[in-house]
Amino acid sequence: MITKEKKTGVIEANAVHEGDTGSPEVQVAIWTERIRELTEHLKQHPNDDHSRLGMYQLVGKRRRMLDYLAKKDIERYRAIIAKLNIRK
């Protein structure tokens, strides 16, 4: 689970404007951090299928948000995948 301090740091690093907590960039960054933590968890606990299912759902949610962002503003999409080192 992502800690409050880590989540705040992710929000500050990806905020588009002051007080931004819900832009697509921030949401994708938070989901990416959660996916990375779950990936590390699953390396130690390979039979934890409930966590694996949750991670797959997060990956799908992130993918849909990235598709939306690519459709709305391709430059913002390219910037966020480069910043977060997400492959596409």
PDB file of N, CA and C in Angstrom:
ATOM      1  N   MET A   1       0.843  -1.183   0.000  1.00  0.00           N
ATOM      2  CA  MET A   1       0.000   0.000   0.000  1.00  0.00           C
ATOM      3  C   MET A   1       0.883   1.240   0.000  1.00  0.00           C
ATOM      4  N   ILE A   2       0.512   2.214  -0.755  1.00  0.00           N
ATOM      5  CA  ILE A   2       1.279   3.446  -0.876  1.00  0.00           C
ATOM      6  C   ILE A   2       1.033   4.322   0.361  1.00  0.00           C
ATOM      7  N   THR A   3       2.109   4.847   0.930  1.00  0.00           N
ATOM      8  CA  THR A   3       1.978   5.676   2.125  1.00  0.00           C
ATOM      9  C   THR A   3       1.516   7.077   1.749  1.00  0.00           C
ATOM     10  N   LYS A   4       1.008   7.797   2.735  1.00  0.00           N
ATOM     11  CA  LYS A   4       0.502   9.142   2.497  1.00  0.00           C
ATOM     12  C   LYS A   4       1.619  10.075   2.031  1.00  0.00           C
ATOM     13  N   GLU A   5       2.796   9.937   2.630  1.00  0.00           N
ATOM     14  CA  GLU A   5       3.922  10.796   2.259  1.00  0.00           C
ATOM     15  C   GLU A   5       4.373  10.533   0.819  1.00  0.00           C
ATOM     16  N   LYS A   6       4.412   9.255   0.453  1.00  0.00           N
ATOM     17  CA  LYS A   6       4.818   8.902  -0.906  1.00  0.00           C
ATOM     18  C   LYS A   6       3.793   9.400  -1.922  1.00  0.00           C
ATOM     19  N   LYS A   7       2.508   9.245  -1.578  1.00  0.00           N
ATOM     20  CA  LYS A   7       1.452   9.700  -2.479  1.00  0.00           C
ATOM     21  C   LYS A   7       1.507  11.215  -2.649  1.00  0.00           C
ATOM     22  N   THR A   8       1.740  11.932  -1.557  1.00  0.00           N
ATOM     23  CA  THR A   8       1.861  13.393  -1.630  1.00  0.00           C
ATOM     24  C   THR A   8       3.032  13.793  -2.514  1.00  0.00           C
ATOM     25  N   GLY A   9       4.148  13.082  -2.395  1.00  0.00           N
ATOM     26  CA  GLY A   9       5.310  13.360  -3.238  1.00  0.00           C
ATOM     27  C   GLY A   9       5.025  13.120  -4.705  1.00  0.00           C
ATOM     28  N   VAL A  10       4.300  12.051  -5.002  1.00  0.00           N
ATOM     29  CA  VAL A  10       3.941  11.734  -6.391  1.00  0.00           C
ATOM     30  C   VAL A  10       3.019  12.815  -6.945  1.00  0.00           C
ATOM     31  N   ILE A  11       2.062  13.259  -6.137  1.00  0.00           N
ATOM     32  CA  ILE A  11       1.134  14.304  -6.582  1.00  0.00           C
ATOM     33  C   ILE A  11       1.888  15.591  -6.867  1.00  0.00           C
ATOM     34  N   GLU A  12       2.785  15.995  -5.960  1.00  0.00           N
ATOM     35  CA  GLU A  12       3.542  17.233  -6.152  1.00  0.00           C
ATOM     36  C   GLU A  12       4.439  17.159  -7.382  1.00  0.00           C
ATOM     37  N   ALA A  13       5.016  15.995  -7.636  1.00  0.00           N
ATOM     38  CA  ALA A  13       5.926  15.851  -8.768  1.00  0.00           C
ATOM     39  C   ALA A  13       5.200  15.879 -10.114  1.00  0.00           C
ATOM     40  N   ASN A  14       3.908  15.532 -10.130  1.00  0.00           N
ATOM     41  CA  ASN A  14       3.185  15.424 -11.395  1.00  0.00           C
ATOM     42  C   ASN A  14       2.028  16.400 -11.538  1.00  0.00           C
ATOM     43  N   ALA A  15       1.852  17.288 -10.585  1.00  0.00           N
ATOM     44  CA  ALA A  15       0.740  18.239 -10.643  1.00  0.00           C
ATOM     45  C   ALA A  15       0.926  19.198 -11.815  1.00  0.00           C
ATOM     46  N   VAL A  16      -0.165  19.466 -12.501  1.00  0.00           N
ATOM     47  CA  VAL A  16      -0.136  20.379 -13.638  1.00  0.00           C
ATOM     48  C   VAL A  16      -0.221  21.825 -13.161  1.00  0.00           C
ATOM     49  N   HIS A  17      -0.974  22.063 -12.094  1.00  0.00           N
ATOM     50  CA  HIS A  17      -1.111  23.398 -11.525  1.00  0.00           C
ATOM     51  C   HIS A  17      -1.221  23.289 -10.015  1.00  0.00           C
ATOM     52  N   GLU A  18      -1.244  24.407  -9.332  1.00  0.00           N
ATOM     53  CA  GLU A  18      -1.322  24.445  -7.872  1.00  0.00           C
ATOM     54  C   GLU A  18      -2.608  23.792  -7.379  1.00  0.00           C
ATOM     55  N   GLY A  19      -2.480  22.876  -6.417  1.00  0.00           N
ATOM     56  CA  GLY A  19      -3.654  22.221  -5.854  1.00  0.00           C
ATOM     57  C   GLY A  19      -4.221  21.116  -6.719  1.00  0.00           C
ATOM     58  N   ASP A  20      -3.479  20.690  -7.723  1.00  0.00           N
ATOM     59  CA  ASP A  20      -3.957  19.664  -8.649  1.00  0.00           C
ATOM     60  C   ASP A  20      -3.837  18.285  -8.015  1.00  0.00           C
ATOM     61  N   THR A  21      -4.957  17.577  -7.907  1.00  0.00           N
ATOM     62  CA  THR A  21      -4.933  16.213  -7.394  1.00  0.00           C
ATOM     63  C   THR A  21      -5.683  15.251  -8.294  1.00  0.00           C
ATOM     64  N   GLY A  22      -6.357  15.735  -9.334  1.00  0.00           N
ATOM     65  CA  GLY A  22      -7.193  14.855 -10.125  1.00  0.00           C
ATOM     66  C   GLY A  22      -6.940  14.868 -11.608  1.00  0.00           C
ATOM     67  N   SER A  23      -5.900  15.555 -12.058  1.00  0.00           N
ATOM     68  CA  SER A  23      -5.635  15.562 -13.494  1.00  0.00           C
ATOM     69  C   SER A  23      -5.208  14.163 -13.943  1.00  0.00           C
ATOM     70  N   PRO A  24      -5.356  13.862 -15.221  1.00  0.00           N
ATOM     71  CA  PRO A  24      -4.949  12.539 -15.706  1.00  0.00           C
ATOM     72  C   PRO A  24      -3.489  12.209 -15.386  1.00  0.00           C
ATOM     73  N   GLU A  25      -2.619  13.193 -15.464  1.00  0.00           N
ATOM     74  CA  GLU A  25      -1.205  12.951 -15.167  1.00  0.00           C
ATOM     75  C   GLU A  25      -1.001  12.482 -13.732  1.00  0.00           C
ATOM     76  N   VAL A  26      -1.683  13.131 -12.789  1.00  0.00           N
ATOM     77  CA  VAL A  26      -1.551  12.770 -11.382  1.00  0.00           C
ATOM     78  C   VAL A  26      -2.141  11.383 -11.133  1.00  0.00           C
ATOM     79  N   GLN A  27      -3.302  11.115 -11.704  1.00  0.00           N
ATOM     80  CA  GLN A  27      -3.924   9.812 -11.507  1.00  0.00           C
ATOM     81  C   GLN A  27      -3.048   8.689 -12.056  1.00  0.00           C
ATOM     82  N   VAL A  28      -2.506   8.879 -13.245  1.00  0.00           N
ATOM     83  CA  VAL A  28      -1.645   7.867 -13.851  1.00  0.00           C
ATOM     84  C   VAL A  28      -0.389   7.671 -13.006  1.00  0.00           C
ATOM     85  N   ALA A  29       0.169   8.746 -12.480  1.00  0.00           N
ATOM     86  CA  ALA A  29       1.377   8.636 -11.656  1.00  0.00           C
ATOM     87  C   ALA A  29       1.104   7.865 -10.367  1.00  0.00           C
ATOM     88  N   ILE A  30      -0.026   8.114  -9.727  1.00  0.00           N
ATOM     89  CA  ILE A  30      -0.377   7.396  -8.501  1.00  0.00           C
ATOM     90  C   ILE A  30      -0.580   5.914  -8.799  1.00  0.00           C
ATOM     91  N   TRP A  31      -1.316   5.616  -9.865  1.00  0.00           N
ATOM     92  CA  TRP A  31      -1.548   4.215 -10.231  1.00  0.00           C
ATOM     93  C   TRP A  31      -0.243   3.517 -10.582  1.00  0.00           C
ATOM     94  N   THR A  32       0.670   4.230 -11.245  1.00  0.00           N
ATOM     95  CA  THR A  32       1.955   3.650 -11.610  1.00  0.00           C
ATOM     96  C   THR A  32       2.752   3.288 -10.360  1.00  0.00           C
ATOM     97  N   GLU A  33       2.736   4.153  -9.373  1.00  0.00           N
ATOM     98  CA  GLU A  33       3.451   3.868  -8.128  1.00  0.00           C
ATOM     99  C   GLU A  33       2.849   2.663  -7.415  1.00  0.00           C
ATOM    100  N   ARG A  34       1.530   2.570  -7.392  1.00  0.00           N
ATOM    101  CA  ARG A  34       0.871   1.418  -6.772  1.00  0.00           C
ATOM    102  C   ARG A  34       1.194   0.130  -7.528  1.00  0.00           C
ATOM    103  N   ILE A  35       1.228   0.197  -8.851  1.00  0.00           N
ATOM    104  CA  ILE A  35       1.560  -0.974  -9.663  1.00  0.00           C
ATOM    105  C   ILE A  35       2.995  -1.425  -9.387  1.00  0.00           C
ATOM    106  N   ARG A  36       3.904  -0.482  -9.253  1.00  0.00           N
ATOM    107  CA  ARG A  36       5.298  -0.838  -8.963  1.00  0.00           C
ATOM    108  C   ARG A  36       5.433  -1.501  -7.600  1.00  0.00           C
ATOM    109  N   GLU A  37       4.698  -1.006  -6.605  1.00  0.00           N
ATOM    110  CA  GLU A  37       4.741  -1.623  -5.282  1.00  0.00           C
ATOM    111  C   GLU A  37       4.141  -3.025  -5.315  1.00  0.00           C
ATOM    112  N   LEU A  38       3.037  -3.199  -6.035  1.00  0.00           N
ATOM    113  CA  LEU A  38       2.436  -4.525  -6.142  1.00  0.00           C
ATOM    114  C   LEU A  38       3.342  -5.492  -6.900  1.00  0.00           C
ATOM    115  N   THR A  39       4.063  -5.002  -7.884  1.00  0.00           N
ATOM    116  CA  THR A  39       4.994  -5.842  -8.628  1.00  0.00           C
ATOM    117  C   THR A  39       6.076  -6.379  -7.706  1.00  0.00           C
ATOM    118  N   GLU A  40       6.618  -5.505  -6.846  1.00  0.00           N
ATOM    119  CA  GLU A  40       7.630  -5.947  -5.888  1.00  0.00           C
ATOM    120  C   GLU A  40       7.043  -6.950  -4.896  1.00  0.00           C
ATOM    121  N   HIS A  41       5.819  -6.721  -4.451  1.00  0.00           N
ATOM    122  CA  HIS A  41       5.155  -7.638  -3.536  1.00  0.00           C
ATOM    123  C   HIS A  41       4.990  -9.013  -4.179  1.00  0.00           C
ATOM    124  N   LEU A  42       4.595  -9.027  -5.447  1.00  0.00           N
ATOM    125  CA  LEU A  42       4.342 -10.289  -6.131  1.00  0.00           C
ATOM    126  C   LEU A  42       5.625 -11.057  -6.446  1.00  0.00           C
ATOM    127  N   LYS A  43       6.757 -10.364  -6.475  1.00  0.00           N
ATOM    128  CA  LYS A  43       8.028 -11.076  -6.648  1.00  0.00           C
ATOM    129  C   LYS A  43       8.335 -11.923  -5.420  1.00  0.00           C
ATOM    130  N   GLN A  44       7.954 -11.428  -4.248  1.00  0.00           N
ATOM    131  CA  GLN A  44       8.188 -12.171  -3.007  1.00  0.00           C
ATOM    132  C   GLN A  44       7.076 -13.162  -2.713  1.00  0.00           C
ATOM    133  N   HIS A  45       5.868 -12.885  -3.193  1.00  0.00           N
ATOM    134  CA  HIS A  45       4.705 -13.728  -2.928  1.00  0.00           C
ATOM    135  C   HIS A  45       4.030 -14.095  -4.250  1.00  0.00           C
ATOM    136  N   PRO A  46       4.629 -15.020  -4.990  1.00  0.00           N
ATOM    137  CA  PRO A  46       4.118 -15.316  -6.338  1.00  0.00           C
ATOM    138  C   PRO A  46       2.740 -15.971  -6.370  1.00  0.00           C
ATOM    139  N   ASN A  47       2.273 -16.541  -5.272  1.00  0.00           N
ATOM    140  CA  ASN A  47       0.969 -17.203  -5.270  1.00  0.00           C
ATOM    141  C   ASN A  47      -0.155 -16.318  -4.753  1.00  0.00           C
ATOM    142  N   ASP A  48       0.104 -15.035  -4.549  1.00  0.00           N
ATOM    143  CA  ASP A  48      -0.910 -14.112  -4.042  1.00  0.00           C
ATOM    144  C   ASP A  48      -1.788 -13.648  -5.207  1.00  0.00           C
ATOM    145  N   ASP A  49      -2.767 -14.468  -5.542  1.00  0.00           N
ATOM    146  CA  ASP A  49      -3.598 -14.195  -6.712  1.00  0.00           C
ATOM    147  C   ASP A  49      -4.545 -13.019  -6.507  1.00  0.00           C
ATOM    148  N   HIS A  50      -4.948 -12.746  -5.279  1.00  0.00           N
ATOM    149  CA  HIS A  50      -5.836 -11.612  -5.034  1.00  0.00           C
ATOM    150  C   HIS A  50      -5.117 -10.290  -5.324  1.00  0.00           C
ATOM    151  N   SER A  51      -3.875 -10.175  -4.897  1.00  0.00           N
ATOM    152  CA  SER A  51      -3.105  -8.971  -5.198  1.00  0.00           C
ATOM    153  C   SER A  51      -2.811  -8.867  -6.687  1.00  0.00           C
ATOM    154  N   ARG A  52      -2.571 -10.001  -7.323  1.00  0.00           N
ATOM    155  CA  ARG A  52      -2.311 -10.009  -8.764  1.00  0.00           C
ATOM    156  C   ARG A  52      -3.526  -9.492  -9.535  1.00  0.00           C
ATOM    157  N   LEU A  53      -4.719  -9.923  -9.138  1.00  0.00           N
ATOM    158  CA  LEU A  53      -5.940  -9.460  -9.783  1.00  0.00           C
ATOM    159  C   LEU A  53      -6.102  -7.947  -9.595  1.00  0.00           C
ATOM    160  N   GLY A  54      -5.840  -7.467  -8.383  1.00  0.00           N
ATOM    161  CA  GLY A  54      -5.917  -6.028  -8.132  1.00  0.00           C
ATOM    162  C   GLY A  54      -4.928  -5.250  -8.981  1.00  0.00           C
ATOM    163  N   MET A  55      -3.727  -5.802  -9.159  1.00  0.00           N
ATOM    164  CA  MET A  55      -2.732  -5.132  -9.991  1.00  0.00           C
ATOM    165  C   MET A  55      -3.188  -5.098 -11.445  1.00  0.00           C
ATOM    166  N   TYR A  56      -3.756  -6.198 -11.938  1.00  0.00           N
ATOM    167  CA  TYR A  56      -4.252  -6.217 -13.315  1.00  0.00           C
ATOM    168  C   TYR A  56      -5.357  -5.181 -13.517  1.00  0.00           C
ATOM    169  N   GLN A  57      -6.208  -5.007 -12.523  1.00  0.00           N
ATOM    170  CA  GLN A  57      -7.267  -4.005 -12.617  1.00  0.00           C
ATOM    171  C   GLN A  57      -6.679  -2.600 -12.658  1.00  0.00           C
ATOM    172  N   LEU A  58      -5.634  -2.351 -11.854  1.00  0.00           N
ATOM    173  CA  LEU A  58      -4.971  -1.044 -11.886  1.00  0.00           C
ATOM    174  C   LEU A  58      -4.316  -0.793 -13.234  1.00  0.00           C
ATOM    175  N   VAL A  59      -3.707  -1.818 -13.804  1.00  0.00           N
ATOM    176  CA  VAL A  59      -3.062  -1.674 -15.116  1.00  0.00           C
ATOM    177  C   VAL A  59      -4.108  -1.305 -16.170  1.00  0.00           C
ATOM    178  N   GLY A  60      -5.274  -1.945 -16.120  1.00  0.00           N
ATOM    179  CA  GLY A  60      -6.341  -1.634 -17.069  1.00  0.00           C
ATOM    180  C   GLY A  60      -6.877  -0.230 -16.893  1.00  0.00           C
ATOM    181  N   LYS A  61      -7.026   0.186 -15.644  1.00  0.00           N
ATOM    182  CA  LYS A  61      -7.512   1.531 -15.354  1.00  0.00           C
ATOM    183  C   LYS A  61      -6.524   2.578 -15.866  1.00  0.00           C
ATOM    184  N   ARG A  62      -5.217   2.324 -15.642  1.00  0.00           N
ATOM    185  CA  ARG A  62      -4.180   3.234 -16.124  1.00  0.00           C
ATOM    186  C   ARG A  62      -4.171   3.272 -17.645  1.00  0.00           C
ATOM    187  N   ARG A  63      -4.331   2.107 -18.286  1.00  0.00           N
ATOM    188  CA  ARG A  63      -4.337   2.044 -19.744  1.00  0.00           C
ATOM    189  C   ARG A  63      -5.484   2.851 -20.333  1.00  0.00           C
ATOM    190  N   ARG A  64      -6.679   2.728 -19.731  1.00  0.00           N
ATOM    191  CA  ARG A  64      -7.831   3.493 -20.216  1.00  0.00           C
ATOM    192  C   ARG A  64      -7.597   4.994 -20.061  1.00  0.00           C
ATOM    193  N   MET A  65      -7.006   5.416 -18.942  1.00  0.00           N
ATOM    194  CA  MET A  65      -6.737   6.842 -18.729  1.00  0.00           C
ATOM    195  C   MET A  65      -5.692   7.333 -19.723  1.00  0.00           C
ATOM    196  N   LEU A  66      -4.680   6.533 -19.996  1.00  0.00           N
ATOM    197  CA  LEU A  66      -3.674   6.925 -20.981  1.00  0.00           C
ATOM    198  C   LEU A  66      -4.263   6.999 -22.387  1.00  0.00           C
ATOM    199  N   ASP A  67      -5.174   6.094 -22.715  1.00  0.00           N
ATOM    200  CA  ASP A  67      -5.846   6.159 -24.016  1.00  0.00           C
ATOM    201  C   ASP A  67      -6.668   7.440 -24.140  1.00  0.00           C
ATOM    202  N   TYR A  68      -7.358   7.795 -23.062  1.00  0.00           N
ATOM    203  CA  TYR A  68      -8.132   9.035 -23.037  1.00  0.00           C
ATOM    204  C   TYR A  68      -7.212  10.234 -23.246  1.00  0.00           C
ATOM    205  N   LEU A  69      -6.088  10.249 -22.532  1.00  0.00           N
ATOM    206  CA  LEU A  69      -5.161  11.371 -22.630  1.00  0.00           C
ATOM    207  C   LEU A  69      -4.553  11.459 -24.028  1.00  0.00           C
ATOM    208  N   ALA A  70      -4.261  10.323 -24.641  1.00  0.00           N
ATOM    209  CA  ALA A  70      -3.713  10.329 -26.001  1.00  0.00           C
ATOM    210  C   ALA A  70      -4.721  10.878 -26.995  1.00  0.00           C
ATOM    211  N   LYS A  71      -6.000  10.592 -26.756  1.00  0.00           N
ATOM    212  CA  LYS A  71      -7.045  11.081 -27.650  1.00  0.00           C
ATOM    213  C   LYS A  71      -7.257  12.588 -27.479  1.00  0.00           C
ATOM    214  N   LYS A  72      -7.159  13.069 -26.236  1.00  0.00           N
ATOM    215  CA  LYS A  72      -7.417  14.482 -25.961  1.00  0.00           C
ATOM    216  C   LYS A  72      -6.219  15.375 -26.267  1.00  0.00           C
ATOM    217  N   ASP A  73      -5.027  14.953 -25.828  1.00  0.00           N
ATOM    218  CA  ASP A  73      -3.836  15.799 -25.984  1.00  0.00           C
ATOM    219  C   ASP A  73      -2.602  14.898 -26.084  1.00  0.00           C
ATOM    220  N   ILE A  74      -2.151  14.655 -27.291  1.00  0.00           N
ATOM    221  CA  ILE A  74      -1.069  13.702 -27.529  1.00  0.00           C
ATOM    222  C   ILE A  74       0.243  14.152 -26.899  1.00  0.00           C
ATOM    223  N   GLU A  75       0.485  15.454 -26.801  1.00  0.00           N
ATOM    224  CA  GLU A  75       1.729  15.940 -26.213  1.00  0.00           C
ATOM    225  C   GLU A  75       1.785  15.656 -24.714  1.00  0.00           C
ATOM    226  N   ARG A  76       0.677  15.846 -24.018  1.00  0.00           N
ATOM    227  CA  ARG A  76       0.626  15.518 -22.585  1.00  0.00           C
ATOM    228  C   ARG A  76       0.818  14.021 -22.382  1.00  0.00           C
ATOM    229  N   TYR A  77       0.230  13.214 -23.274  1.00  0.00           N
ATOM    230  CA  TYR A  77       0.386  11.757 -23.216  1.00  0.00           C
ATOM    231  C   TYR A  77       1.852  11.369 -23.358  1.00  0.00           C
ATOM    232  N   ARG A  78       2.508  11.908 -24.362  1.00  0.00           N
ATOM    233  CA  ARG A  78       3.920  11.583 -24.589  1.00  0.00           C
ATOM    234  C   ARG A  78       4.791  12.032 -23.425  1.00  0.00           C
ATOM    235  N   ALA A  79       4.470  13.191 -22.853  1.00  0.00           N
ATOM    236  CA  ALA A  79       5.252  13.694 -21.726  1.00  0.00           C
ATOM    237  C   ALA A  79       5.120  12.785 -20.505  1.00  0.00           C
ATOM    238  N   ILE A  80       3.907  12.336 -20.216  1.00  0.00           N
ATOM    239  CA  ILE A  80       3.708  11.527 -19.001  1.00  0.00           C
ATOM    240  C   ILE A  80       4.309  10.134 -19.157  1.00  0.00           C
ATOM    241  N   ILE A  81       4.221   9.511 -20.339  1.00  0.00           N
ATOM    242  CA  ILE A  81       4.817   8.180 -20.463  1.00  0.00           C
ATOM    243  C   ILE A  81       6.346   8.262 -20.444  1.00  0.00           C
ATOM    244  N   ALA A  82       6.904   9.373 -20.936  1.00  0.00           N
ATOM    245  CA  ALA A  82       8.352   9.549 -20.864  1.00  0.00           C
ATOM    246  C   ALA A  82       8.790   9.808 -19.420  1.00  0.00           C
ATOM    247  N   LYS A  83       8.038  10.623 -18.701  1.00  0.00           N
ATOM    248  CA  LYS A  83       8.390  10.968 -17.323  1.00  0.00           C
ATOM    249  C   LYS A  83       8.305   9.761 -16.402  1.00  0.00           C
ATOM    250  N   LEU A  84       7.271   8.932 -16.580  1.00  0.00           N
ATOM    251  CA  LEU A  84       7.064   7.790 -15.698  1.00  0.00           C
ATOM    252  C   LEU A  84       7.739   6.517 -16.212  1.00  0.00           C
ATOM    253  N   ASN A  85       8.363   6.600 -17.386  1.00  0.00           N
ATOM    254  CA  ASN A  85       9.035   5.457 -17.973  1.00  0.00           C
ATOM    255  C   ASN A  85       8.074   4.284 -18.166  1.00  0.00           C
ATOM    256  N   ILE A  86       6.918   4.583 -18.787  1.00  0.00           N
ATOM    257  CA  ILE A  86       5.925   3.573 -19.098  1.00  0.00           C
ATOM    258  C   ILE A  86       6.104   3.214 -20.562  1.00  0.00           C
ATOM    259  N   ARG A  87       6.101   1.943 -20.880  1.00  0.00           N
ATOM    260  CA  ARG A  87       6.259   1.543 -22.278  1.00  0.00           C
ATOM    261  C   ARG A  87       4.909   1.489 -22.966  1.00  0.00           C
ATOM    262  N   LYS A  88       4.898   1.826 -24.220  1.00  0.00           N
ATOM    263  CA  LYS A  88       3.670   1.729 -25.023  1.00  0.00           C
ATOM    264  C   LYS A  88       4.076   1.536 -26.454  1.00  0.00           C
TER     265      LYS A  88
END
